[in-house]
Protein backbone atom coordinates (compact mmCIF):
# COMPACT_ATOMS: atom_id res chain seq x y z
CA MET A 1 175.70 101.02 183.86
CA ALA A 2 174.48 104.36 184.24
CA THR A 3 174.51 105.26 180.90
CA ALA A 4 173.22 102.49 179.58
CA PRO A 5 169.83 103.09 178.66
CA LYS A 6 170.89 106.64 177.09
CA GLU A 7 173.54 104.26 174.57
CA ALA A 8 170.37 102.21 174.03
CA GLU A 9 168.42 105.20 172.69
CA ASN A 10 171.53 106.88 170.47
CA ALA A 11 172.31 103.53 168.85
CA ILE A 12 169.63 101.86 168.33
CA GLY A 13 166.39 103.90 169.14
CA LEU A 14 164.95 101.66 171.76
CA GLU A 15 163.18 104.04 172.72
CA GLU A 16 159.57 104.46 172.55
CA ILE A 17 158.59 104.97 168.84
CA HIS A 18 155.56 107.21 167.56
CA THR A 19 153.75 106.30 165.37
CA GLU A 20 150.73 106.39 163.86
CA ARG A 21 147.83 105.15 165.70
CA GLN A 22 143.98 105.40 166.13
CA GLU A 23 143.38 107.89 168.47
CA PRO A 24 141.23 107.27 171.47
CA PRO A 25 138.45 110.11 172.53
CA LYS A 26 139.66 113.54 173.34
CA GLY A 27 140.45 113.17 177.22
CA GLN A 28 140.81 108.83 177.67
CA LYS A 29 143.64 107.54 179.15
CA THR A 30 145.38 105.27 177.30
CA PHE A 31 147.84 102.70 177.69
CA THR A 32 150.81 100.03 176.20
CA VAL A 33 151.01 96.09 176.41
CA GLN A 34 154.56 96.89 177.86
CA GLU A 35 152.51 99.82 180.48
CA ALA A 36 150.41 96.69 181.36
CA VAL A 37 152.80 94.21 181.51
CA GLU A 38 154.63 96.41 184.25
CA THR A 39 151.84 97.54 186.45
CA ILE A 40 150.76 93.49 186.41
CA GLY A 41 153.92 92.81 187.66
CA PHE A 42 154.76 89.25 188.31
CA GLY A 43 153.06 86.37 189.51
CA ARG A 44 151.06 82.66 189.11
CA PHE A 45 150.94 83.48 185.49
CA HIS A 46 154.62 84.07 185.32
CA ILE A 47 155.12 80.94 187.15
CA VAL A 48 152.70 78.45 185.11
CA LEU A 49 154.13 80.28 181.84
CA PHE A 50 157.65 79.49 182.95
CA LEU A 51 156.82 76.01 184.51
CA ILE A 52 155.35 74.65 180.32
CA MET A 53 157.11 76.48 178.41
CA GLY A 54 160.36 75.34 180.40
CA SER A 55 159.49 71.95 179.44
CA THR A 56 160.11 72.73 175.66
CA GLY A 57 163.68 72.71 176.80
CA VAL A 58 163.55 69.31 178.25
CA ALA A 59 162.39 67.70 174.72
CA GLU A 60 164.96 70.46 173.08
CA ALA A 61 167.79 69.03 175.18
CA MET A 62 167.00 65.38 174.92
CA GLU A 63 166.96 65.21 170.94
CA ILE A 64 170.19 67.70 170.85
CA MET A 65 171.95 65.17 173.30
CA LEU A 66 170.54 62.37 171.44
CA ILE A 67 173.50 62.09 169.28
CA ALA A 68 176.29 62.16 171.68
CA VAL A 69 175.08 59.09 172.96
CA VAL A 70 174.15 57.38 170.12
CA SER A 71 177.08 57.91 167.95
CA PRO A 72 178.98 54.80 169.29
CA LEU A 73 176.65 52.70 168.61
CA ILE A 74 176.14 53.76 164.94
CA ARG A 75 179.73 53.61 163.94
CA CYS A 76 179.69 50.26 165.33
CA GLU A 77 176.28 49.22 163.71
CA TRP A 78 177.12 50.48 160.25
CA GLN A 79 180.85 50.48 160.93
CA LEU A 80 181.05 54.54 160.04
CA GLN A 81 184.03 56.66 159.35
CA ASP A 82 184.66 59.39 162.04
CA TRP A 83 183.42 61.84 159.40
CA GLN A 84 180.42 59.73 159.11
CA VAL A 85 179.87 60.39 162.18
CA ALA A 86 180.39 63.78 162.75
CA LEU A 87 178.00 64.10 159.46
CA VAL A 88 175.11 63.32 161.73
CA THR A 89 175.34 66.24 164.50
CA THR A 90 175.91 68.58 161.32
CA MET A 91 172.80 67.50 159.38
CA VAL A 92 170.78 67.86 162.34
CA PHE A 93 171.94 71.15 162.42
CA PHE A 94 171.92 72.38 159.18
CA GLY A 95 167.97 71.47 159.64
CA TYR A 96 167.60 73.48 162.28
CA MET A 97 169.29 76.20 160.21
CA ILE A 98 167.26 76.15 157.47
CA PHE A 99 163.93 75.42 158.93
CA SER A 100 165.03 78.75 162.02
CA ILE A 101 164.28 81.33 159.97
CA VAL A 102 161.11 79.62 158.12
CA LEU A 103 159.61 79.80 160.94
CA GLY A 104 160.84 82.74 162.40
CA PHE A 105 159.52 84.46 159.41
CA LEU A 106 156.13 82.33 160.03
CA ALA A 107 155.67 83.39 164.03
CA ASP A 108 156.12 86.84 163.46
CA ARG A 109 153.16 86.67 160.56
CA TYR A 110 151.23 84.17 161.78
CA GLY A 111 151.80 83.90 166.05
CA ARG A 112 154.14 82.46 168.23
CA TRP A 113 151.95 79.57 169.63
CA LYS A 114 150.90 77.91 166.21
CA ILE A 115 154.42 77.89 164.94
CA LEU A 116 155.26 76.38 168.65
CA LEU A 117 152.97 73.71 167.88
CA LEU A 118 153.44 72.56 164.80
CA SER A 119 158.00 72.54 165.88
CA PHE A 120 156.71 70.04 168.49
CA LEU A 121 154.41 67.98 166.29
CA TRP A 122 157.32 68.11 163.75
CA ALA A 123 159.75 67.07 165.59
CA ALA A 124 158.30 64.34 167.63
CA TYR A 125 157.17 62.66 164.32
CA PHE A 126 160.49 62.43 162.88
CA SER A 127 162.58 61.30 165.99
CA LEU A 128 160.01 58.69 166.15
CA LEU A 129 160.41 57.57 162.26
CA THR A 130 164.29 57.47 163.29
CA SER A 131 164.22 54.84 165.26
CA PHE A 132 163.16 52.48 162.70
CA ALA A 133 166.11 53.75 159.80
CA PRO A 134 166.79 50.78 157.72
CA SER A 135 170.23 52.17 157.05
CA TYR A 136 173.18 55.02 157.84
CA ILE A 137 171.23 57.50 155.40
CA TRP A 138 167.93 57.16 156.55
CA PHE A 139 169.12 58.15 159.60
CA VAL A 140 170.74 61.19 158.47
CA PHE A 141 167.87 62.36 156.49
CA LEU A 142 165.34 61.73 159.70
CA ARG A 143 167.68 63.50 162.47
CA ALA A 144 167.98 66.41 159.99
CA MET A 145 164.36 66.67 159.73
CA VAL A 146 164.06 66.44 163.56
CA GLY A 147 166.65 69.43 163.95
CA GLY A 148 164.13 71.40 161.91
CA GLY A 149 161.18 71.18 163.73
CA VAL A 150 163.36 71.56 167.19
CA SER A 151 164.29 74.89 166.00
CA GLY A 152 160.76 75.89 166.63
CA HIS A 153 160.75 75.80 170.39
CA ALA A 154 162.69 79.38 170.29
CA GLN A 155 158.93 80.22 170.26
CA GLY A 156 158.58 79.30 173.40
CA LEU A 157 161.44 81.62 175.34
CA ILE A 158 159.80 84.52 172.88
CA ILE A 159 156.86 84.54 174.50
CA LYS A 160 158.27 83.93 177.99
CA THR A 161 160.41 87.14 177.21
CA GLU A 162 157.02 89.30 176.10
CA PHE A 163 155.07 88.97 178.99
CA LEU A 164 157.65 89.42 181.68
CA PRO A 165 158.23 92.90 183.41
CA THR A 166 161.50 94.36 182.67
CA LYS A 167 163.44 93.78 185.91
CA TYR A 168 162.41 90.53 186.10
CA ARG A 169 164.15 89.03 182.66
CA GLY A 170 167.25 89.53 183.75
CA TYR A 171 166.31 87.00 186.67
CA MET A 172 163.36 84.28 185.15
CA LEU A 173 165.52 83.78 181.49
CA PRO A 174 168.15 82.47 182.83
CA LEU A 175 166.96 80.36 185.10
CA SER A 176 164.91 78.09 181.96
CA GLN A 177 168.56 76.22 181.82
CA VAL A 178 167.23 74.23 184.49
CA PHE A 179 164.77 72.33 181.77
CA TRP A 180 167.45 72.22 179.95
CA LEU A 181 170.14 69.93 181.92
CA ALA A 182 167.09 68.40 182.92
CA GLY A 183 166.67 66.74 179.68
CA SER A 184 170.42 66.45 179.16
CA LEU A 185 170.93 64.52 182.13
CA LEU A 186 167.93 62.54 181.77
CA ILE A 187 169.13 61.56 177.76
CA ILE A 188 172.29 60.58 179.65
CA GLY A 189 170.80 58.57 182.47
CA LEU A 190 168.55 56.93 179.80
CA ALA A 191 171.68 55.99 177.84
CA SER A 192 173.61 53.93 180.42
CA VAL A 193 170.25 52.15 181.22
CA VAL A 194 168.62 51.96 177.87
CA ASN A 195 172.08 51.28 175.43
CA PRO A 196 173.01 48.16 176.78
CA THR A 197 170.12 46.45 177.20
CA ILE A 198 167.47 46.97 174.70
CA GLY A 199 169.55 48.88 172.02
CA TRP A 200 169.83 52.97 170.59
CA ARG A 201 166.77 52.71 168.90
CA TRP A 202 164.32 52.20 171.89
CA LEU A 203 166.13 55.03 173.21
CA ILE A 204 165.14 57.43 170.59
CA ARG A 205 161.68 56.06 170.47
CA ILE A 206 161.91 56.64 174.53
CA ALA A 207 163.12 60.32 174.03
CA SER A 208 160.21 61.30 171.89
CA ILE A 209 157.74 61.09 175.14
CA PRO A 210 158.43 64.58 176.74
CA SER A 211 157.44 66.03 173.10
CA ILE A 212 154.38 63.92 173.25
CA LEU A 213 153.08 64.98 175.91
CA LEU A 214 153.55 69.02 174.96
CA ILE A 215 151.08 68.34 172.34
CA ARG A 216 149.17 67.28 174.56
CA CYS A 217 149.66 69.31 177.55
CA PHE A 218 148.98 72.15 174.16
CA LEU A 219 146.04 71.19 173.16
CA THR A 220 143.88 70.84 176.02
CA PRO A 221 141.29 73.19 177.36
CA LEU A 222 144.30 74.04 180.15
CA HIS A 223 146.26 75.51 177.31
CA PHE A 224 144.05 78.11 176.32
CA GLN A 225 143.77 79.17 179.65
CA PHE A 226 147.03 79.29 180.43
CA ILE A 227 149.35 80.22 177.72
CA PRO A 228 147.73 83.01 175.39
CA GLU A 229 149.15 84.05 172.29
CA SER A 230 151.91 86.77 172.93
CA ALA A 231 149.73 89.99 173.58
CA ARG A 232 152.59 91.77 171.93
CA TYR A 233 151.88 90.23 168.38
CA SER A 234 148.64 90.43 169.10
CA VAL A 235 148.74 94.55 168.91
CA SER A 236 151.70 94.76 166.64
CA THR A 237 148.61 92.89 164.56
CA GLY A 238 146.56 94.71 165.30
CA ASN A 239 144.07 92.61 167.34
CA VAL A 240 144.00 94.89 170.38
CA ALA A 241 140.67 93.16 171.74
CA ALA A 242 142.90 89.71 171.97
CA ALA A 243 145.67 91.61 173.46
CA LEU A 244 143.35 92.98 175.41
CA ALA A 245 141.38 89.90 176.27
CA THR A 246 144.80 88.16 177.47
CA LEU A 247 146.25 90.69 179.85
CA ARG A 248 143.21 90.89 181.57
CA MET A 249 143.83 87.36 182.00
CA ILE A 250 146.81 87.70 183.66
CA ALA A 251 145.70 90.61 185.30
CA LYS A 252 143.50 88.08 186.86
CA MET A 253 145.28 85.34 187.59
CA ASN A 254 148.34 87.49 189.38
CA GLY A 255 145.37 89.08 191.88
CA ALA A 256 146.76 92.29 189.94
CA ALA A 257 144.21 95.51 188.30
CA MET A 258 145.23 96.55 184.82
CA PRO A 259 145.99 99.75 183.87
CA GLU A 260 143.16 102.80 183.43
CA GLY A 261 141.99 103.43 180.42
CA VAL A 262 142.08 102.01 176.28
CA LEU A 263 144.97 99.75 175.19
CA LYS A 264 146.50 102.11 172.27
CA GLU A 265 146.86 100.12 168.83
CA PRO A 266 150.22 101.21 167.26
CA ALA A 267 150.17 101.37 163.31
CA LYS A 268 149.81 98.64 161.49
CA GLY A 269 153.47 97.75 159.43
CA ARG A 270 154.49 94.64 157.97
CA ARG A 271 155.96 92.18 160.02
CA GLY A 272 158.69 89.59 159.45
CA ARG A 273 161.06 91.36 156.87
CA PHE A 274 164.58 90.06 156.32
CA LYS A 275 165.37 93.39 155.23
CA ASP A 276 164.62 94.91 158.87
CA LEU A 277 167.17 93.36 160.27
CA ILE A 278 169.93 95.32 158.12
CA HIS A 279 168.30 98.30 158.44
CA PRO A 280 170.97 100.79 159.28
CA LYS A 281 169.85 101.30 162.60
CA TYR A 282 170.10 97.66 163.42
CA LEU A 283 172.75 96.47 160.73
CA ARG A 284 175.78 96.42 162.96
CA THR A 285 174.00 95.37 166.36
CA THR A 286 172.71 92.03 163.95
CA LEU A 287 175.97 91.46 162.09
CA GLN A 288 178.10 91.30 166.00
CA ILE A 289 175.31 88.78 167.39
CA TRP A 290 175.17 86.87 163.97
CA ILE A 291 179.41 86.33 164.81
CA ILE A 292 178.58 85.66 168.96
CA TRP A 293 175.82 82.93 167.93
CA LEU A 294 177.94 81.07 165.18
CA GLY A 295 180.74 81.18 167.92
CA ILE A 296 178.75 80.55 170.75
CA ALA A 297 177.23 77.06 169.58
CA PHE A 298 180.85 76.02 167.78
CA ALA A 299 182.45 76.02 171.03
CA TYR A 300 178.91 75.09 172.95
CA TYR A 301 178.82 71.33 170.87
CA GLY A 302 182.54 71.36 170.33
CA VAL A 303 182.35 70.97 174.04
CA ILE A 304 180.06 68.47 174.33
CA LEU A 305 181.29 66.35 171.27
CA ALA A 306 184.91 66.86 172.43
CA SER A 307 183.47 65.46 175.57
CA ALA A 308 182.10 62.56 173.93
CA GLU A 309 185.55 61.67 171.57
CA LEU A 310 187.64 62.32 175.05
CA LEU A 311 185.68 59.90 177.31
CA GLN A 312 185.36 57.29 174.21
CA ARG A 313 188.78 57.12 173.50
CA ASP A 314 190.28 57.87 176.76
CA LEU A 315 192.52 60.88 175.44
CA VAL A 316 195.23 61.93 178.51
CA CYS A 317 197.58 63.82 178.01
CA GLY A 318 196.73 64.51 174.08
CA SER A 319 197.92 61.08 172.94
CA ALA A 320 195.60 58.47 171.97
CA ALA A 321 195.58 55.28 173.88
CA PRO A 322 193.50 52.02 173.71
CA PRO A 323 190.05 51.95 174.89
CA VAL A 324 190.25 50.28 178.28
CA GLN A 325 187.21 48.23 178.83
CA ASP A 326 184.98 48.10 181.84
CA PRO A 327 185.63 44.88 183.96
CA GLY A 328 182.18 45.39 185.43
CA ASP A 329 180.17 45.64 181.10
CA ASP A 330 179.91 42.06 180.08
CA SER A 331 177.10 43.04 177.50
CA GLU A 332 177.06 41.62 174.74
CA GLU A 333 178.17 45.33 172.17
CA SER A 334 180.69 45.69 174.87
CA ARG A 335 182.14 42.60 173.33
CA SER A 336 181.46 43.39 170.15
CA PRO A 337 184.37 42.73 167.70
CA CYS A 338 183.84 45.49 165.90
CA HIS A 339 186.38 49.18 165.62
CA CYS A 340 184.07 51.41 167.39
CA ARG A 341 184.39 51.76 171.20
CA LEU A 342 181.46 51.84 173.45
CA PHE A 343 180.57 53.70 176.66
CA GLY A 344 181.09 52.37 179.63
CA PRO A 345 179.66 53.34 183.45
CA ALA A 346 182.38 55.44 184.01
CA ALA A 347 182.34 57.48 180.63
CA TYR A 348 178.08 58.06 181.53
CA GLN A 349 179.63 59.33 184.95
CA THR A 350 181.56 61.76 183.44
CA MET A 351 178.89 62.76 180.87
CA ILE A 352 176.64 63.49 183.63
CA ILE A 353 179.33 65.44 186.31
CA SER A 354 180.57 67.66 183.32
CA THR A 355 176.69 68.15 182.63
CA VAL A 356 175.47 68.77 185.71
CA GLY A 357 178.19 72.10 185.11
CA GLU A 358 175.80 73.65 182.58
CA ILE A 359 173.74 75.40 186.05
CA ALA A 360 176.85 75.37 188.50
CA LEU A 361 177.89 79.38 187.40
CA ASN A 362 174.06 80.17 187.00
CA PRO A 363 173.90 82.02 190.05
CA LEU A 364 176.93 83.85 188.87
CA ASN A 365 175.37 84.18 184.94
CA ILE A 366 171.96 86.26 186.51
CA LEU A 367 174.03 88.58 188.94
CA GLY A 368 176.22 89.48 185.79
CA ILE A 369 173.74 90.23 183.55
CA ASN A 370 171.61 92.43 186.02
CA PHE A 371 174.05 94.13 187.57
CA LEU A 372 177.56 94.39 184.70
CA GLY A 373 174.85 94.42 182.22
CA ARG A 374 174.29 91.94 179.62
CA ARG A 375 177.76 92.90 177.44
CA LEU A 376 180.09 92.72 179.51
CA SER A 377 179.04 89.50 180.96
CA LEU A 378 178.99 87.86 178.04
CA CYS A 379 181.87 89.03 177.29
CA ILE A 380 183.64 87.66 180.33
CA THR A 381 182.28 84.46 179.94
CA MET A 382 183.84 84.18 176.82
CA GLY A 383 186.64 84.97 177.82
CA CYS A 384 187.03 82.56 180.20
CA THR A 385 185.66 79.62 178.04
CA ALA A 386 188.70 80.50 175.94
CA LEU A 387 191.22 80.15 178.45
CA PHE A 388 189.66 76.92 179.26
CA PHE A 389 189.91 75.02 176.04
CA LEU A 390 193.54 75.81 175.96
CA LEU A 391 193.85 74.26 179.76
CA LEU A 392 192.37 71.50 178.16
CA ASN A 393 196.13 71.07 176.48
CA ILE A 394 197.10 70.51 179.81
CA CYS A 395 198.61 66.77 180.69
CA THR A 396 196.20 65.98 183.47
CA SER A 397 194.58 63.24 185.25
CA SER A 398 190.99 62.12 184.61
CA ALA A 399 189.75 63.74 187.33
CA GLY A 400 191.71 67.29 186.30
CA MET A 401 190.19 66.52 182.73
CA THR A 402 186.58 66.18 184.46
CA GLY A 403 187.25 69.08 185.87
CA PHE A 404 188.13 71.09 182.78
CA LEU A 405 185.00 70.21 181.58
CA PHE A 406 182.59 71.01 184.30
CA MET A 407 183.86 74.42 183.54
CA LEU A 408 184.32 74.13 180.26
CA ARG A 409 179.91 73.50 180.12
CA ALA A 410 178.91 75.85 183.20
CA LEU A 411 180.84 78.94 180.59
CA VAL A 412 179.17 77.64 177.33
CA SER A 413 175.91 77.24 178.78
CA ALA A 414 176.19 80.74 180.40
CA ASN A 415 177.40 82.24 176.76
CA PHE A 416 173.68 80.75 175.57
CA ASN A 417 171.72 82.23 178.79
CA THR A 418 173.26 85.52 177.86
CA ILE A 419 172.87 85.99 174.01
CA TYR A 420 169.14 84.54 174.10
CA ILE A 421 168.34 87.50 176.25
CA TYR A 422 170.50 89.83 175.20
CA THR A 423 168.98 88.42 171.22
CA ALA A 424 165.19 88.42 172.81
CA GLU A 425 165.45 91.99 174.26
CA VAL A 426 167.23 93.48 171.43
CA TYR A 427 164.71 93.14 168.60
CA PRO A 428 161.22 94.50 168.63
CA THR A 429 157.99 92.50 168.32
CA THR A 430 157.32 92.93 165.18
CA MET A 431 160.99 90.89 163.96
CA ARG A 432 161.62 89.63 167.40
CA ALA A 433 160.94 85.94 166.01
CA LEU A 434 162.52 86.85 162.41
CA GLY A 435 165.36 87.96 164.09
CA MET A 436 166.18 85.07 166.80
CA GLY A 437 165.56 83.00 164.05
CA THR A 438 168.29 84.04 161.69
CA SER A 439 170.62 84.23 165.18
CA GLY A 440 169.71 80.57 166.09
CA SER A 441 170.17 79.44 161.95
CA LEU A 442 173.51 81.31 162.46
CA CYS A 443 174.21 79.46 165.43
CA ARG A 444 173.53 76.37 164.15
CA VAL A 445 176.07 77.34 161.09
CA GLY A 446 179.18 76.81 164.18
CA ALA A 447 176.92 73.64 165.58
CA MET A 448 177.56 71.89 161.87
CA VAL A 449 181.27 72.61 161.55
CA ALA A 450 181.98 72.31 165.53
CA PRO A 451 181.41 68.00 164.73
CA PHE A 452 184.00 67.96 162.09
CA ILE A 453 186.77 69.94 164.40
CA SER A 454 185.65 67.44 167.83
CA GLN A 455 185.71 64.83 165.62
CA VAL A 456 188.02 64.62 163.02
CA LEU A 457 190.45 67.48 163.59
CA MET A 458 190.78 66.05 167.53
CA SER A 459 192.18 63.05 166.02
CA ALA A 460 194.63 64.30 164.07
CA SER A 461 195.75 67.80 166.08
CA PHE A 462 194.59 67.65 169.64
CA VAL A 463 196.15 71.44 170.04
CA GLY A 464 195.15 72.16 166.62
CA ALA A 465 191.31 71.64 167.51
CA LEU A 466 192.00 73.66 171.29
CA CYS A 467 193.28 76.51 169.89
CA LEU A 468 190.53 76.63 167.27
CA PHE A 469 187.57 76.41 169.90
CA SER A 470 189.47 78.83 171.95
CA SER A 471 190.35 81.62 168.85
CA MET A 472 186.69 82.17 168.10
CA CYS A 473 185.71 82.70 171.80
CA VAL A 474 188.70 85.80 171.69
CA VAL A 475 186.53 86.99 168.08
CA CYS A 476 183.08 86.66 170.63
CA ALA A 477 184.27 88.04 173.77
CA ILE A 478 185.32 91.61 171.54
CA SER A 479 182.47 91.40 169.65
CA ALA A 480 180.56 91.18 172.82
CA PHE A 481 182.12 93.99 174.63
CA THR A 482 181.99 96.34 171.33
CA LEU A 483 177.76 95.81 170.79
CA PRO A 484 176.53 99.11 170.01
CA ILE A 485 173.48 99.11 172.80
CA GLU A 486 173.48 97.67 176.22
CA THR A 487 169.77 96.37 177.18
CA LYS A 488 169.59 95.59 180.56
CA GLY A 489 166.71 97.63 181.90
CA VAL A 490 165.24 98.62 178.94
CA ALA A 491 161.60 98.36 177.79
CA LEU A 492 161.02 95.87 174.90
CA GLN A 493 159.93 98.04 171.61
CA VAL A 494 156.65 96.74 169.70
CA CYS A 495 157.39 98.23 166.28
CA ILE A 496 160.49 99.92 164.14
């Protein structure tokens, strides 16, 4: 990939763009935020940043995965049909889609940290309200509001990206998947204990605790010491003093020296404009990124919801069989006469095993991202995802099905890791949050469609549903391979 930097310059101009700046005194040395970040290097500040911002993934995973473990119970309580259960997930991602654009736009204009805090307050508030939903309609509406709040959590990834030195981005950002995995395992483990005993409403209340704790953490004085506003964002708005103070604080925490000279201020320009995403330099990249985000989300949530359906309906060899009641499950809900099929201990165990798959390929994913590059690595994992969707058609045992689901979760997780990193790197600071926001919105379009394929179409045509997932992954693999730029080893751009 020796030609990657050259390709980048020819494709969309990621090289330094010279704009009008306030000239320093003659003979005075100057440095940019990028040069300061590279000079300060990786240290204690970045570890603290990684842990605190990574914790946002725990809260997000618990809120998103909640629907998969609650669906059987609300199906029973409100006597829902397949399409009604699917609509719950769809509306969560509809809220995510709408607010993702809005919050991305606001983050580029008013700051990443403010929007991140707002998203935690919003999601925690409406999540708690959901536990008191008196009807199915209220449940759907309130979960859509939760989805809107969760969409702002992407600002945590942007803050991490903008503070990390170039050579560490490809290693540290994929490790954030550990926090998503922790949140997923936590909600499944809680569901296995809480659902059969005190019910799904208490599960939702307990799932809100991480968000509430993070709000508390963000509002303490420690936050202002360890997690400041992005220096890249500050300098892009002309607030050089704030950016310089932030960089000095990081250097002090890391025990490193600042570059000599004064911090250069780029020319002030408009920020967060949608039309910049479809500028001729970015048009092809943006369109292909949108396709990839849509397809990855379609596959990711398709796997999660398909896993739940396979376990709930006990589908083996593509045929539906009556659910086998776990003999050790004597809960009142398990003896319920209604038409729903509740998870037993074995089903929760299978969900945990398949969820652990999300980190199984992380070491290989990190190596691929850093040595093969973002584009080729994503192309390979998307192609393998398509293959394993087709392998689910093979008549196999429950253990074989669990193995296929394990590998699918590992692959779709690797896909998300790579596209998150690529999108955060390819756009300049002045439009990075908007680029992530619009990508996140297209991502949720795929997530909105996935429930109807996994929970409705799969009941009618098992093979047809899997072939549809596989075909979309092939399209994404081609789009990834033909992306016009490779961002591996390329410095983050400040402005257009």
